[in-house]
PDB file of all heavy atoms in Angstrom:
ATOM      1  N   GLU A   1       0.807  -1.190   0.022  1.00  0.00           N
ATOM      2  CA  GLU A   1      -0.025  -0.001   0.006  1.00  0.00           C
ATOM      3  C   GLU A   1       0.872   1.224   0.007  1.00  0.00           C
ATOM      4  O   GLU A   1       0.575   2.244  -0.678  1.00  0.00           O
ATOM      5  CB  GLU A   1      -0.889   0.033   1.181  1.00  0.00           C
ATOM      6  CG  GLU A   1      -2.099  -0.983   1.140  1.00  0.00           C
ATOM      7  CD  GLU A   1      -2.814  -1.035   2.525  1.00  0.00           C
ATOM      8  OE1 GLU A   1      -2.912  -0.015   3.164  1.00  0.00           O
ATOM      9  OE2 GLU A   1      -3.311  -2.125   2.863  1.00  0.00           O
ATOM     10  N   GLU A   2       1.967   1.267   0.767  1.00  0.00           N
ATOM     11  CA  GLU A   2       2.858   2.372   0.838  1.00  0.00           C
ATOM     12  C   GLU A   2       3.498   2.584  -0.521  1.00  0.00           C
ATOM     13  O   GLU A   2       3.747   3.791  -0.927  1.00  0.00           O
ATOM     14  CB  GLU A   2       3.830   2.178   1.916  1.00  0.00           C
ATOM     15  CG  GLU A   2       4.742   3.351   2.235  1.00  0.00           C
ATOM     16  CD  GLU A   2       3.913   4.511   2.835  1.00  0.00           C
ATOM     17  OE1 GLU A   2       2.818   4.288   3.256  1.00  0.00           O
ATOM     18  OE2 GLU A   2       4.526   5.625   2.921  1.00  0.00           O
ATOM     19  N   SER A   3       3.822   1.507  -1.205  1.00  0.00           N
ATOM     20  CA  SER A   3       4.491   1.647  -2.505  1.00  0.00           C
ATOM     21  C   SER A   3       3.479   2.250  -3.523  1.00  0.00           C
ATOM     22  O   SER A   3       3.933   3.141  -4.371  1.00  0.00           O
ATOM     23  CB  SER A   3       4.921   0.286  -3.022  1.00  0.00           C
ATOM     24  OG  SER A   3       3.846  -0.552  -3.375  1.00  0.00           O
ATOM     25  N   VAL A   4       2.192   1.940  -3.422  1.00  0.00           N
ATOM     26  CA  VAL A   4       1.255   2.504  -4.295  1.00  0.00           C
ATOM     27  C   VAL A   4       1.095   3.990  -4.043  1.00  0.00           C
ATOM     28  O   VAL A   4       0.978   4.806  -4.963  1.00  0.00           O
ATOM     29  CB  VAL A   4      -0.146   1.815  -4.180  1.00  0.00           C
ATOM     30  CG1 VAL A   4      -1.230   2.509  -4.963  1.00  0.00           C
ATOM     31  CG2 VAL A   4      -0.050   0.302  -4.676  1.00  0.00           C
ATOM     32  N   ARG A   5       1.062   4.398  -2.729  1.00  0.00           N
ATOM     33  CA  ARG A   5       0.961   5.790  -2.421  1.00  0.00           C
ATOM     34  C   ARG A   5       2.150   6.509  -2.975  1.00  0.00           C
ATOM     35  O   ARG A   5       2.019   7.691  -3.435  1.00  0.00           O
ATOM     36  CB  ARG A   5       0.879   5.947  -0.908  1.00  0.00           C
ATOM     37  CG  ARG A   5      -0.426   5.476  -0.347  1.00  0.00           C
ATOM     38  CD  ARG A   5      -0.499   5.884   1.148  1.00  0.00           C
ATOM     39  NE  ARG A   5      -1.620   5.121   1.745  1.00  0.00           N
ATOM     40  CZ  ARG A   5      -1.463   4.019   2.484  1.00  0.00           C
ATOM     41  NH1 ARG A   5      -0.263   3.553   2.677  1.00  0.00           N
ATOM     42  NH2 ARG A   5      -2.499   3.365   2.975  1.00  0.00           N
ATOM     43  N   ALA A   6       3.330   5.901  -2.945  1.00  0.00           N
ATOM     44  CA  ALA A   6       4.591   6.559  -3.513  1.00  0.00           C
ATOM     45  C   ALA A   6       4.452   6.700  -5.005  1.00  0.00           C
ATOM     46  O   ALA A   6       4.941   7.712  -5.580  1.00  0.00           O
ATOM     47  CB  ALA A   6       5.789   5.700  -3.163  1.00  0.00           C
ATOM     48  N   LEU A   7       3.728   5.771  -5.663  1.00  0.00           N
ATOM     49  CA  LEU A   7       3.580   5.851  -7.128  1.00  0.00           C
ATOM     50  C   LEU A   7       2.345   6.677  -7.522  1.00  0.00           C
ATOM     51  O   LEU A   7       2.242   7.080  -8.701  1.00  0.00           O
ATOM     52  CB  LEU A   7       3.379   4.424  -7.715  1.00  0.00           C
ATOM     53  CG  LEU A   7       4.615   3.519  -7.585  1.00  0.00           C
ATOM     54  CD1 LEU A   7       4.179   2.113  -7.954  1.00  0.00           C
ATOM     55  CD2 LEU A   7       5.720   3.966  -8.476  1.00  0.00           C
ATOM     56  N   TYR A   8       1.502   6.993  -6.584  1.00  0.00           N
ATOM     57  CA  TYR A   8       0.229   7.610  -6.920  1.00  0.00           C
ATOM     58  C   TYR A   8       0.428   9.049  -7.450  1.00  0.00           C
ATOM     59  O   TYR A   8       1.304   9.792  -6.960  1.00  0.00           O
ATOM     60  CB  TYR A   8      -0.655   7.742  -5.660  1.00  0.00           C
ATOM     61  CG  TYR A   8      -2.186   7.728  -5.931  1.00  0.00           C
ATOM     62  CD1 TYR A   8      -2.766   6.546  -6.356  1.00  0.00           C
ATOM     63  CD2 TYR A   8      -2.872   8.868  -5.826  1.00  0.00           C
ATOM     64  CE1 TYR A   8      -4.126   6.504  -6.626  1.00  0.00           C
ATOM     65  CE2 TYR A   8      -4.284   8.844  -6.123  1.00  0.00           C
ATOM     66  CZ  TYR A   8      -4.859   7.666  -6.497  1.00  0.00           C
ATOM     67  OH  TYR A   8      -6.152   7.624  -6.797  1.00  0.00           O
ATOM     68  N   GLY A   9      -0.258   9.341  -8.498  1.00  0.00           N
ATOM     69  CA  GLY A   9      -0.148  10.662  -9.135  1.00  0.00           C
ATOM     70  C   GLY A   9       0.973  10.795 -10.115  1.00  0.00           C
ATOM     71  O   GLY A   9       1.198  11.862 -10.670  1.00  0.00           O
ATOM     72  N   ASN A  10       1.689   9.697 -10.384  1.00  0.00           N
ATOM     73  CA  ASN A  10       2.690   9.780 -11.450  1.00  0.00           C
ATOM     74  C   ASN A  10       2.339   8.723 -12.541  1.00  0.00           C
ATOM     75  O   ASN A  10       1.348   8.140 -12.578  1.00  0.00           O
ATOM     76  CB  ASN A  10       4.077   9.508 -10.822  1.00  0.00           C
ATOM     77  CG  ASN A  10       4.245   8.193 -10.206  1.00  0.00           C
ATOM     78  OD1 ASN A  10       3.696   7.172 -10.626  1.00  0.00           O
ATOM     79  ND2 ASN A  10       4.965   8.149  -9.048  1.00  0.00           N
ATOM     80  N   SER A  11       3.276   8.591 -13.458  1.00  0.00           N
ATOM     81  CA  SER A  11       3.024   7.780 -14.677  1.00  0.00           C
ATOM     82  C   SER A  11       3.277   6.286 -14.555  1.00  0.00           C
ATOM     83  O   SER A  11       3.185   5.562 -15.582  1.00  0.00           O
ATOM     84  CB  SER A  11       3.813   8.403 -15.834  1.00  0.00           C
ATOM     85  OG  SER A  11       5.128   8.359 -15.554  1.00  0.00           O
ATOM     86  N   PHE A  12       3.636   5.810 -13.366  1.00  0.00           N
ATOM     87  CA  PHE A  12       4.017   4.394 -13.276  1.00  0.00           C
ATOM     88  C   PHE A  12       2.799   3.490 -13.107  1.00  0.00           C
ATOM     89  O   PHE A  12       2.584   2.783 -12.105  1.00  0.00           O
ATOM     90  CB  PHE A  12       4.936   4.243 -12.017  1.00  0.00           C
ATOM     91  CG  PHE A  12       6.248   4.950 -12.137  1.00  0.00           C
ATOM     92  CD1 PHE A  12       6.514   6.143 -11.450  1.00  0.00           C
ATOM     93  CD2 PHE A  12       7.281   4.433 -12.946  1.00  0.00           C
ATOM     94  CE1 PHE A  12       7.660   6.771 -11.544  1.00  0.00           C
ATOM     95  CE2 PHE A  12       8.439   5.075 -13.050  1.00  0.00           C
ATOM     96  CZ  PHE A  12       8.677   6.300 -12.341  1.00  0.00           C
ATOM     97  N   ASN A  13       1.951   3.533 -14.141  1.00  0.00           N
ATOM     98  CA  ASN A  13       0.686   2.840 -14.087  1.00  0.00           C
ATOM     99  C   ASN A  13       0.817   1.294 -14.047  1.00  0.00           C
ATOM    100  O   ASN A  13       0.110   0.615 -13.317  1.00  0.00           O
ATOM    101  CB  ASN A  13      -0.181   3.219 -15.308  1.00  0.00           C
ATOM    102  CG  ASN A  13      -0.828   4.515 -15.124  1.00  0.00           C
ATOM    103  OD1 ASN A  13      -1.041   4.989 -13.980  1.00  0.00           O
ATOM    104  ND2 ASN A  13      -1.226   5.197 -16.167  1.00  0.00           N
ATOM    105  N   ASP A  14       1.841   0.777 -14.762  1.00  0.00           N
ATOM    106  CA  ASP A  14       1.949  -0.694 -14.820  1.00  0.00           C
ATOM    107  C   ASP A  14       2.372  -1.234 -13.437  1.00  0.00           C
ATOM    108  O   ASP A  14       1.777  -2.222 -12.921  1.00  0.00           O
ATOM    109  CB  ASP A  14       3.024  -1.074 -15.831  1.00  0.00           C
ATOM    110  CG  ASP A  14       2.562  -0.869 -17.267  1.00  0.00           C
ATOM    111  OD1 ASP A  14       1.347  -0.712 -17.418  1.00  0.00           O
ATOM    112  OD2 ASP A  14       3.371  -0.804 -18.162  1.00  0.00           O
ATOM    113  N   GLU A  15       3.316  -0.507 -12.817  1.00  0.00           N
ATOM    114  CA  GLU A  15       3.721  -0.924 -11.439  1.00  0.00           C
ATOM    115  C   GLU A  15       2.551  -0.845 -10.483  1.00  0.00           C
ATOM    116  O   GLU A  15       2.313  -1.632  -9.671  1.00  0.00           O
ATOM    117  CB  GLU A  15       4.955  -0.141 -10.962  1.00  0.00           C
ATOM    118  CG  GLU A  15       6.243  -0.425 -11.769  1.00  0.00           C
ATOM    119  CD  GLU A  15       6.431   0.556 -12.903  1.00  0.00           C
ATOM    120  OE1 GLU A  15       5.376   1.057 -13.458  1.00  0.00           O
ATOM    121  OE2 GLU A  15       7.590   0.842 -13.235  1.00  0.00           O
ATOM    122  N   LYS A  16       1.879   0.310 -10.619  1.00  0.00           N
ATOM    123  CA  LYS A  16       0.784   0.607  -9.665  1.00  0.00           C
ATOM    124  C   LYS A  16      -0.260  -0.480  -9.599  1.00  0.00           C
ATOM    125  O   LYS A  16      -0.731  -0.899  -8.600  1.00  0.00           O
ATOM    126  CB  LYS A  16       0.225   1.972  -9.976  1.00  0.00           C
ATOM    127  CG  LYS A  16      -0.695   2.516  -8.945  1.00  0.00           C
ATOM    128  CD  LYS A  16      -0.917   4.070  -9.190  1.00  0.00           C
ATOM    129  CE  LYS A  16      -1.358   4.418 -10.523  1.00  0.00           C
ATOM    130  NZ  LYS A  16      -1.497   5.908 -10.681  1.00  0.00           N
ATOM    131  N   ILE A  17      -0.692  -0.903 -10.828  1.00  0.00           N
ATOM    132  CA  ILE A  17      -1.778  -1.861 -10.885  1.00  0.00           C
ATOM    133  C   ILE A  17      -1.309  -3.222 -10.426  1.00  0.00           C
ATOM    134  O   ILE A  17      -2.116  -3.992  -9.854  1.00  0.00           O
ATOM    135  CB  ILE A  17      -2.374  -1.941 -12.372  1.00  0.00           C
ATOM    136  CG1 ILE A  17      -3.700  -2.650 -12.246  1.00  0.00           C
ATOM    137  CG2 ILE A  17      -1.429  -2.630 -13.341  1.00  0.00           C
ATOM    138  CD1 ILE A  17      -4.515  -2.557 -13.571  1.00  0.00           C
ATOM    139  N   VAL A  18      -0.060  -3.578 -10.642  1.00  0.00           N
ATOM    140  CA  VAL A  18       0.504  -4.845 -10.197  1.00  0.00           C
ATOM    141  C   VAL A  18       0.415  -4.883  -8.641  1.00  0.00           C
ATOM    142  O   VAL A  18      -0.061  -5.817  -8.019  1.00  0.00           O
ATOM    143  CB  VAL A  18       1.905  -5.094 -10.649  1.00  0.00           C
ATOM    144  CG1 VAL A  18       2.560  -6.241  -9.895  1.00  0.00           C
ATOM    145  CG2 VAL A  18       1.971  -5.327 -12.136  1.00  0.00           C
ATOM    146  N   TYR A  19       0.887  -3.792  -7.948  1.00  0.00           N
ATOM    147  CA  TYR A  19       0.882  -3.768  -6.526  1.00  0.00           C
ATOM    148  C   TYR A  19      -0.562  -3.762  -5.984  1.00  0.00           C
ATOM    149  O   TYR A  19      -0.862  -4.394  -4.993  1.00  0.00           O
ATOM    150  CB  TYR A  19       1.589  -2.533  -5.994  1.00  0.00           C
ATOM    151  CG  TYR A  19       3.067  -2.562  -6.328  1.00  0.00           C
ATOM    152  CD1 TYR A  19       3.737  -1.477  -6.835  1.00  0.00           C
ATOM    153  CD2 TYR A  19       3.849  -3.675  -6.069  1.00  0.00           C
ATOM    154  CE1 TYR A  19       5.130  -1.484  -7.099  1.00  0.00           C
ATOM    155  CE2 TYR A  19       5.178  -3.757  -6.374  1.00  0.00           C
ATOM    156  CZ  TYR A  19       5.837  -2.672  -6.888  1.00  0.00           C
ATOM    157  OH  TYR A  19       7.186  -2.706  -7.208  1.00  0.00           O
ATOM    158  N   LEU A  20      -1.486  -3.044  -6.676  1.00  0.00           N
ATOM    159  CA  LEU A  20      -2.867  -3.038  -6.238  1.00  0.00           C
ATOM    160  C   LEU A  20      -3.480  -4.445  -6.300  1.00  0.00           C
ATOM    161  O   LEU A  20      -4.195  -4.847  -5.372  1.00  0.00           O
ATOM    162  CB  LEU A  20      -3.660  -2.019  -7.024  1.00  0.00           C
ATOM    163  CG  LEU A  20      -3.482  -0.563  -6.715  1.00  0.00           C
ATOM    164  CD1 LEU A  20      -4.053   0.364  -7.817  1.00  0.00           C
ATOM    165  CD2 LEU A  20      -4.021  -0.224  -5.320  1.00  0.00           C
ATOM    166  N   ARG A  21      -3.194  -5.177  -7.366  1.00  0.00           N
ATOM    167  CA  ARG A  21      -3.706  -6.507  -7.467  1.00  0.00           C
ATOM    168  C   ARG A  21      -3.151  -7.395  -6.406  1.00  0.00           C
ATOM    169  O   ARG A  21      -3.831  -8.318  -5.883  1.00  0.00           O
ATOM    170  CB  ARG A  21      -3.408  -7.059  -8.872  1.00  0.00           C
ATOM    171  CG  ARG A  21      -4.205  -6.430  -9.946  1.00  0.00           C
ATOM    172  CD  ARG A  21      -5.704  -6.644  -9.861  1.00  0.00           C
ATOM    173  NE  ARG A  21      -6.445  -6.214 -10.987  1.00  0.00           N
ATOM    174  CZ  ARG A  21      -7.768  -6.127 -11.032  1.00  0.00           C
ATOM    175  NH1 ARG A  21      -8.512  -6.432  -9.939  1.00  0.00           N
ATOM    176  NH2 ARG A  21      -8.389  -5.699 -12.101  1.00  0.00           N
ATOM    177  N   MET A  22      -1.880  -7.217  -6.101  1.00  0.00           N
ATOM    178  CA  MET A  22      -1.171  -8.020  -5.039  1.00  0.00           C
ATOM    179  C   MET A  22      -1.857  -7.751  -3.693  1.00  0.00           C
ATOM    180  O   MET A  22      -2.117  -8.633  -2.881  1.00  0.00           O
ATOM    181  CB  MET A  22       0.296  -7.753  -4.969  1.00  0.00           C
ATOM    182  CG  MET A  22       1.010  -8.336  -6.239  1.00  0.00           C
ATOM    183  SD  MET A  22       2.753  -7.649  -6.300  1.00  0.00           S
ATOM    184  CE  MET A  22       3.480  -8.544  -4.932  1.00  0.00           C
ATOM    185  N   ILE A  23      -2.178  -6.460  -3.446  1.00  0.00           N
ATOM    186  CA  ILE A  23      -2.770  -6.019  -2.147  1.00  0.00           C
ATOM    187  C   ILE A  23      -4.123  -6.731  -2.061  1.00  0.00           C
ATOM    188  O   ILE A  23      -4.501  -7.314  -1.014  1.00  0.00           O
ATOM    189  CB  ILE A  23      -2.933  -4.485  -2.085  1.00  0.00           C
ATOM    190  CG1 ILE A  23      -1.544  -3.827  -1.961  1.00  0.00           C
ATOM    191  CG2 ILE A  23      -3.818  -4.118  -0.841  1.00  0.00           C
ATOM    192  CD1 ILE A  23      -1.620  -2.373  -2.261  1.00  0.00           C
ATOM    193  N   LEU A  24      -4.903  -6.705  -3.099  1.00  0.00           N
ATOM    194  CA  LEU A  24      -6.260  -7.247  -3.092  1.00  0.00           C
ATOM    195  C   LEU A  24      -6.272  -8.792  -3.015  1.00  0.00           C
ATOM    196  O   LEU A  24      -7.254  -9.339  -2.607  1.00  0.00           O
ATOM    197  CB  LEU A  24      -7.096  -6.755  -4.288  1.00  0.00           C
ATOM    198  CG  LEU A  24      -7.462  -5.182  -4.195  1.00  0.00           C
ATOM    199  CD1 LEU A  24      -7.993  -4.714  -5.522  1.00  0.00           C
ATOM    200  CD2 LEU A  24      -8.435  -4.939  -3.098  1.00  0.00           C
ATOM    201  N   SER A  25      -5.138  -9.374  -3.446  1.00  0.00           N
ATOM    202  CA  SER A  25      -4.986 -10.790  -3.263  1.00  0.00           C
ATOM    203  C   SER A  25      -4.793 -11.170  -1.778  1.00  0.00           C
ATOM    204  O   SER A  25      -5.299 -12.134  -1.265  1.00  0.00           O
ATOM    205  CB  SER A  25      -3.811 -11.284  -4.132  1.00  0.00           C
ATOM    206  OG  SER A  25      -3.585 -12.667  -3.903  1.00  0.00           O
ATOM    207  N   LEU A  26      -3.937 -10.264  -1.112  1.00  0.00           N
ATOM    208  CA  LEU A  26      -3.700 -10.521   0.263  1.00  0.00           C
ATOM    209  C   LEU A  26      -4.801 -10.052   1.170  1.00  0.00           C
ATOM    210  O   LEU A  26      -5.148 -10.691   2.155  1.00  0.00           O
ATOM    211  CB  LEU A  26      -2.420  -9.760   0.660  1.00  0.00           C
ATOM    212  CG  LEU A  26      -1.113 -10.206   0.016  1.00  0.00           C
ATOM    213  CD1 LEU A  26      -0.005  -9.165   0.198  1.00  0.00           C
ATOM    214  CD2 LEU A  26      -0.672 -11.562   0.640  1.00  0.00           C
ATOM    215  N   LYS A  27      -5.476  -8.880   0.767  1.00  0.00           N
ATOM    216  CA  LYS A  27      -6.562  -8.378   1.582  1.00  0.00           C
ATOM    217  C   LYS A  27      -7.710  -8.068   0.612  1.00  0.00           C
ATOM    218  O   LYS A  27      -7.877  -6.932   0.159  1.00  0.00           O
ATOM    219  CB  LYS A  27      -6.183  -7.125   2.304  1.00  0.00           C
ATOM    220  CG  LYS A  27      -5.251  -7.378   3.498  1.00  0.00           C
ATOM    221  CD  LYS A  27      -5.218  -6.217   4.448  1.00  0.00           C
ATOM    222  CE  LYS A  27      -4.685  -4.945   3.853  1.00  0.00           C
ATOM    223  NZ  LYS A  27      -4.583  -3.841   4.815  1.00  0.00           N
ATOM    224  N   PRO A  28      -8.536  -9.051   0.288  1.00  0.00           N
ATOM    225  CA  PRO A  28      -9.667  -8.849  -0.736  1.00  0.00           C
ATOM    226  C   PRO A  28     -10.584  -7.752  -0.389  1.00  0.00           C
ATOM    227  O   PRO A  28     -11.194  -7.173  -1.248  1.00  0.00           O
ATOM    228  CB  PRO A  28     -10.347 -10.206  -0.755  1.00  0.00           C
ATOM    229  CG  PRO A  28      -9.349 -11.183  -0.250  1.00  0.00           C
ATOM    230  CD  PRO A  28      -8.529 -10.436   0.794  1.00  0.00           C
ATOM    231  N   ASN A  29     -10.770  -7.430   0.849  1.00  0.00           N
ATOM    232  CA  ASN A  29     -11.754  -6.383   1.255  1.00  0.00           C
ATOM    233  C   ASN A  29     -11.043  -5.035   1.597  1.00  0.00           C
ATOM    234  O   ASN A  29     -11.706  -4.259   2.343  1.00  0.00           O
ATOM    235  CB  ASN A  29     -12.511  -6.861   2.492  1.00  0.00           C
ATOM    236  CG  ASN A  29     -13.428  -8.069   2.137  1.00  0.00           C
ATOM    237  OD1 ASN A  29     -14.025  -8.103   1.110  1.00  0.00           O
ATOM    238  ND2 ASN A  29     -13.469  -9.067   3.031  1.00  0.00           N
ATOM    239  N   ASN A  30      -9.891  -4.800   1.045  1.00  0.00           N
ATOM    240  CA  ASN A  30      -9.199  -3.535   1.286  1.00  0.00           C
ATOM    241  C   ASN A  30      -9.833  -2.468   0.329  1.00  0.00           C
ATOM    242  O   ASN A  30      -9.443  -2.331  -0.809  1.00  0.00           O
ATOM    243  CB  ASN A  30      -7.706  -3.717   0.970  1.00  0.00           C
ATOM    244  CG  ASN A  30      -6.953  -2.451   1.312  1.00  0.00           C
ATOM    245  OD1 ASN A  30      -7.373  -1.348   1.088  1.00  0.00           O
ATOM    246  ND2 ASN A  30      -5.721  -2.630   1.909  1.00  0.00           N
ATOM    247  N   ASP A  31     -10.793  -1.749   0.911  1.00  0.00           N
ATOM    248  CA  ASP A  31     -11.519  -0.810   0.031  1.00  0.00           C
ATOM    249  C   ASP A  31     -10.721   0.461  -0.328  1.00  0.00           C
ATOM    250  O   ASP A  31     -11.056   1.041  -1.336  1.00  0.00           O
ATOM    251  CB  ASP A  31     -12.836  -0.447   0.761  1.00  0.00           C
ATOM    252  CG  ASP A  31     -13.816  -1.598   0.888  1.00  0.00           C
ATOM    253  OD1 ASP A  31     -13.775  -2.438  -0.070  1.00  0.00           O
ATOM    254  OD2 ASP A  31     -14.581  -1.615   1.852  1.00  0.00           O
ATOM    255  N   GLU A  32      -9.767   0.759   0.488  1.00  0.00           N
ATOM    256  CA  GLU A  32      -8.955   1.919   0.084  1.00  0.00           C
ATOM    257  C   GLU A  32      -8.205   1.603  -1.224  1.00  0.00           C
ATOM    258  O   GLU A  32      -8.078   2.457  -2.100  1.00  0.00           O
ATOM    259  CB  GLU A  32      -7.939   2.244   1.216  1.00  0.00           C
ATOM    260  CG  GLU A  32      -7.065   3.480   0.910  1.00  0.00           C
ATOM    261  CD  GLU A  32      -6.036   3.719   1.991  1.00  0.00           C
ATOM    262  OE1 GLU A  32      -5.795   2.819   2.808  1.00  0.00           O
ATOM    263  OE2 GLU A  32      -5.450   4.850   2.051  1.00  0.00           O
ATOM    264  N   SER A  33      -7.636   0.353  -1.319  1.00  0.00           N
ATOM    265  CA  SER A  33      -6.978  -0.095  -2.504  1.00  0.00           C
ATOM    266  C   SER A  33      -7.965  -0.196  -3.644  1.00  0.00           C
ATOM    267  O   SER A  33      -7.601   0.042  -4.847  1.00  0.00           O
ATOM    268  CB  SER A  33      -6.261  -1.416  -2.328  1.00  0.00           C
ATOM    269  OG  SER A  33      -5.216  -1.198  -1.356  1.00  0.00           O
ATOM    270  N   LYS A  34      -9.202  -0.613  -3.382  1.00  0.00           N
ATOM    271  CA  LYS A  34     -10.210  -0.699  -4.481  1.00  0.00           C
ATOM    272  C   LYS A  34     -10.461   0.754  -5.030  1.00  0.00           C
ATOM    273  O   LYS A  34     -10.605   0.836  -6.261  1.00  0.00           O
ATOM    274  CB  LYS A  34     -11.518  -1.281  -3.934  1.00  0.00           C
ATOM    275  CG  LYS A  34     -11.452  -2.811  -3.654  1.00  0.00           C
ATOM    276  CD  LYS A  34     -12.852  -3.248  -3.200  1.00  0.00           C
ATOM    277  CE  LYS A  34     -12.841  -4.716  -2.923  1.00  0.00           C
ATOM    278  NZ  LYS A  34     -14.200  -5.184  -2.532  1.00  0.00           N
ATOM    279  N   ILE A  35     -10.509   1.717  -4.151  1.00  0.00           N
ATOM    280  CA  ILE A  35     -10.670   3.071  -4.662  1.00  0.00           C
ATOM    281  C   ILE A  35      -9.556   3.479  -5.622  1.00  0.00           C
ATOM    282  O   ILE A  35      -9.794   4.087  -6.606  1.00  0.00           O
ATOM    283  CB  ILE A  35     -10.794   4.078  -3.454  1.00  0.00           C
ATOM    284  CG1 ILE A  35     -12.116   3.797  -2.653  1.00  0.00           C
ATOM    285  CG2 ILE A  35     -10.764   5.506  -3.964  1.00  0.00           C
ATOM    286  CD1 ILE A  35     -13.380   4.273  -3.290  1.00  0.00           C
ATOM    287  N   MET A  36      -8.337   3.164  -5.120  1.00  0.00           N
ATOM    288  CA  MET A  36      -7.172   3.520  -5.992  1.00  0.00           C
ATOM    289  C   MET A  36      -7.178   2.755  -7.276  1.00  0.00           C
ATOM    290  O   MET A  36      -6.801   3.309  -8.320  1.00  0.00           O
ATOM    291  CB  MET A  36      -5.895   3.256  -5.210  1.00  0.00           C
ATOM    292  CG  MET A  36      -5.619   4.303  -4.135  1.00  0.00           C
ATOM    293  SD  MET A  36      -4.036   4.286  -3.379  1.00  0.00           S
ATOM    294  CE  MET A  36      -4.119   2.863  -2.268  1.00  0.00           C
ATOM    295  N   LEU A  37      -7.622   1.472  -7.256  1.00  0.00           N
ATOM    296  CA  LEU A  37      -7.662   0.695  -8.512  1.00  0.00           C
ATOM    297  C   LEU A  37      -8.737   1.321  -9.446  1.00  0.00           C
ATOM    298  O   LEU A  37      -8.511   1.400 -10.664  1.00  0.00           O
ATOM    299  CB  LEU A  37      -8.012  -0.775  -8.187  1.00  0.00           C
ATOM    300  CG  LEU A  37      -8.011  -1.741  -9.355  1.00  0.00           C
ATOM    301  CD1 LEU A  37      -6.660  -1.726 -10.113  1.00  0.00           C
ATOM    302  CD2 LEU A  37      -8.390  -3.152  -8.894  1.00  0.00           C
ATOM    303  N   ALA A  38      -9.842   1.661  -8.906  1.00  0.00           N
ATOM    304  CA  ALA A  38     -10.927   2.339  -9.719  1.00  0.00           C
ATOM    305  C   ALA A  38     -10.371   3.586 -10.340  1.00  0.00           C
ATOM    306  O   ALA A  38     -10.708   3.902 -11.506  1.00  0.00           O
ATOM    307  CB  ALA A  38     -12.185   2.597  -8.872  1.00  0.00           C
ATOM    308  N   THR A  39      -9.649   4.365  -9.569  1.00  0.00           N
ATOM    309  CA  THR A  39      -9.067   5.605 -10.034  1.00  0.00           C
ATOM    310  C   THR A  39      -8.067   5.340 -11.220  1.00  0.00           C
ATOM    311  O   THR A  39      -8.039   6.074 -12.198  1.00  0.00           O
ATOM    312  CB  THR A  39      -8.335   6.372  -8.949  1.00  0.00           C
ATOM    313  OG1 THR A  39      -9.226   6.603  -7.826  1.00  0.00           O
ATOM    314  CG2 THR A  39      -7.774   7.698  -9.364  1.00  0.00           C
ATOM    315  N   TYR A  40      -7.379   4.247 -11.113  1.00  0.00           N
ATOM    316  CA  TYR A  40      -6.480   3.874 -12.229  1.00  0.00           C
ATOM    317  C   TYR A  40      -7.273   3.643 -13.448  1.00  0.00           C
ATOM    318  O   TYR A  40      -6.804   4.095 -14.567  1.00  0.00           O
ATOM    319  CB  TYR A  40      -5.709   2.586 -11.810  1.00  0.00           C
ATOM    320  CG  TYR A  40      -5.082   1.816 -12.992  1.00  0.00           C
ATOM    321  CD1 TYR A  40      -3.804   2.239 -13.446  1.00  0.00           C
ATOM    322  CD2 TYR A  40      -5.700   0.811 -13.644  1.00  0.00           C
ATOM    323  CE1 TYR A  40      -3.186   1.605 -14.537  1.00  0.00           C
ATOM    324  CE2 TYR A  40      -5.137   0.142 -14.705  1.00  0.00           C
ATOM    325  CZ  TYR A  40      -3.914   0.543 -15.171  1.00  0.00           C
ATOM    326  OH  TYR A  40      -3.283  -0.046 -16.242  1.00  0.00           O
ATOM    327  N   TYR A  41      -8.383   2.938 -13.391  1.00  0.00           N
ATOM    328  CA  TYR A  41      -9.208   2.693 -14.580  1.00  0.00           C
ATOM    329  C   TYR A  41      -9.818   4.017 -15.084  1.00  0.00           C
ATOM    330  O   TYR A  41      -9.998   4.162 -16.263  1.00  0.00           O
ATOM    331  CB  TYR A  41     -10.260   1.645 -14.294  1.00  0.00           C
ATOM    332  CG  TYR A  41      -9.732   0.219 -14.233  1.00  0.00           C
ATOM    333  CD1 TYR A  41      -9.845  -0.553 -13.075  1.00  0.00           C
ATOM    334  CD2 TYR A  41      -9.029  -0.294 -15.312  1.00  0.00           C
ATOM    335  CE1 TYR A  41      -9.314  -1.819 -13.006  1.00  0.00           C
ATOM    336  CE2 TYR A  41      -8.497  -1.574 -15.271  1.00  0.00           C
ATOM    337  CZ  TYR A  41      -8.659  -2.291 -14.097  1.00  0.00           C
ATOM    338  OH  TYR A  41      -8.088  -3.624 -14.074  1.00  0.00           O
ATOM    339  N   GLU A  42     -10.164   4.861 -14.158  1.00  0.00           N
ATOM    340  CA  GLU A  42     -10.698   6.243 -14.607  1.00  0.00           C
ATOM    341  C   GLU A  42      -9.645   7.002 -15.415  1.00  0.00           C
ATOM    342  O   GLU A  42      -9.961   7.585 -16.423  1.00  0.00           O
ATOM    343  CB  GLU A  42     -11.174   7.021 -13.408  1.00  0.00           C
ATOM    344  CG  GLU A  42     -12.434   6.504 -12.773  1.00  0.00           C
ATOM    345  CD  GLU A  42     -12.765   7.136 -11.450  1.00  0.00           C
ATOM    346  OE1 GLU A  42     -11.831   7.606 -10.775  1.00  0.00           O
ATOM    347  OE2 GLU A  42     -13.914   7.152 -11.030  1.00  0.00           O
ATOM    348  N   GLU A  43      -8.365   6.946 -14.908  1.00  0.00           N
ATOM    349  CA  GLU A  43      -7.290   7.633 -15.586  1.00  0.00           C
ATOM    350  C   GLU A  43      -7.076   7.094 -17.029  1.00  0.00           C
ATOM    351  O   GLU A  43      -6.650   7.813 -17.902  1.00  0.00           O
ATOM    352  CB  GLU A  43      -5.992   7.494 -14.843  1.00  0.00           C
ATOM    353  CG  GLU A  43      -6.010   8.256 -13.524  1.00  0.00           C
ATOM    354  CD  GLU A  43      -4.808   7.943 -12.648  1.00  0.00           C
ATOM    355  OE1 GLU A  43      -4.033   6.995 -13.040  1.00  0.00           O
ATOM    356  OE2 GLU A  43      -4.588   8.602 -11.606  1.00  0.00           O
TER     357      GLU A  43
END
């Protein structure tokens, strides 16, 4: 999650989505990460 925050708002989209998917694999109900993943798709 901390790595995604570090990447948030910059162009590292590939890395960002990989980490978000890993987070949701470890914590399927992590809604903060779901919000960030949805934002990725909006971008």
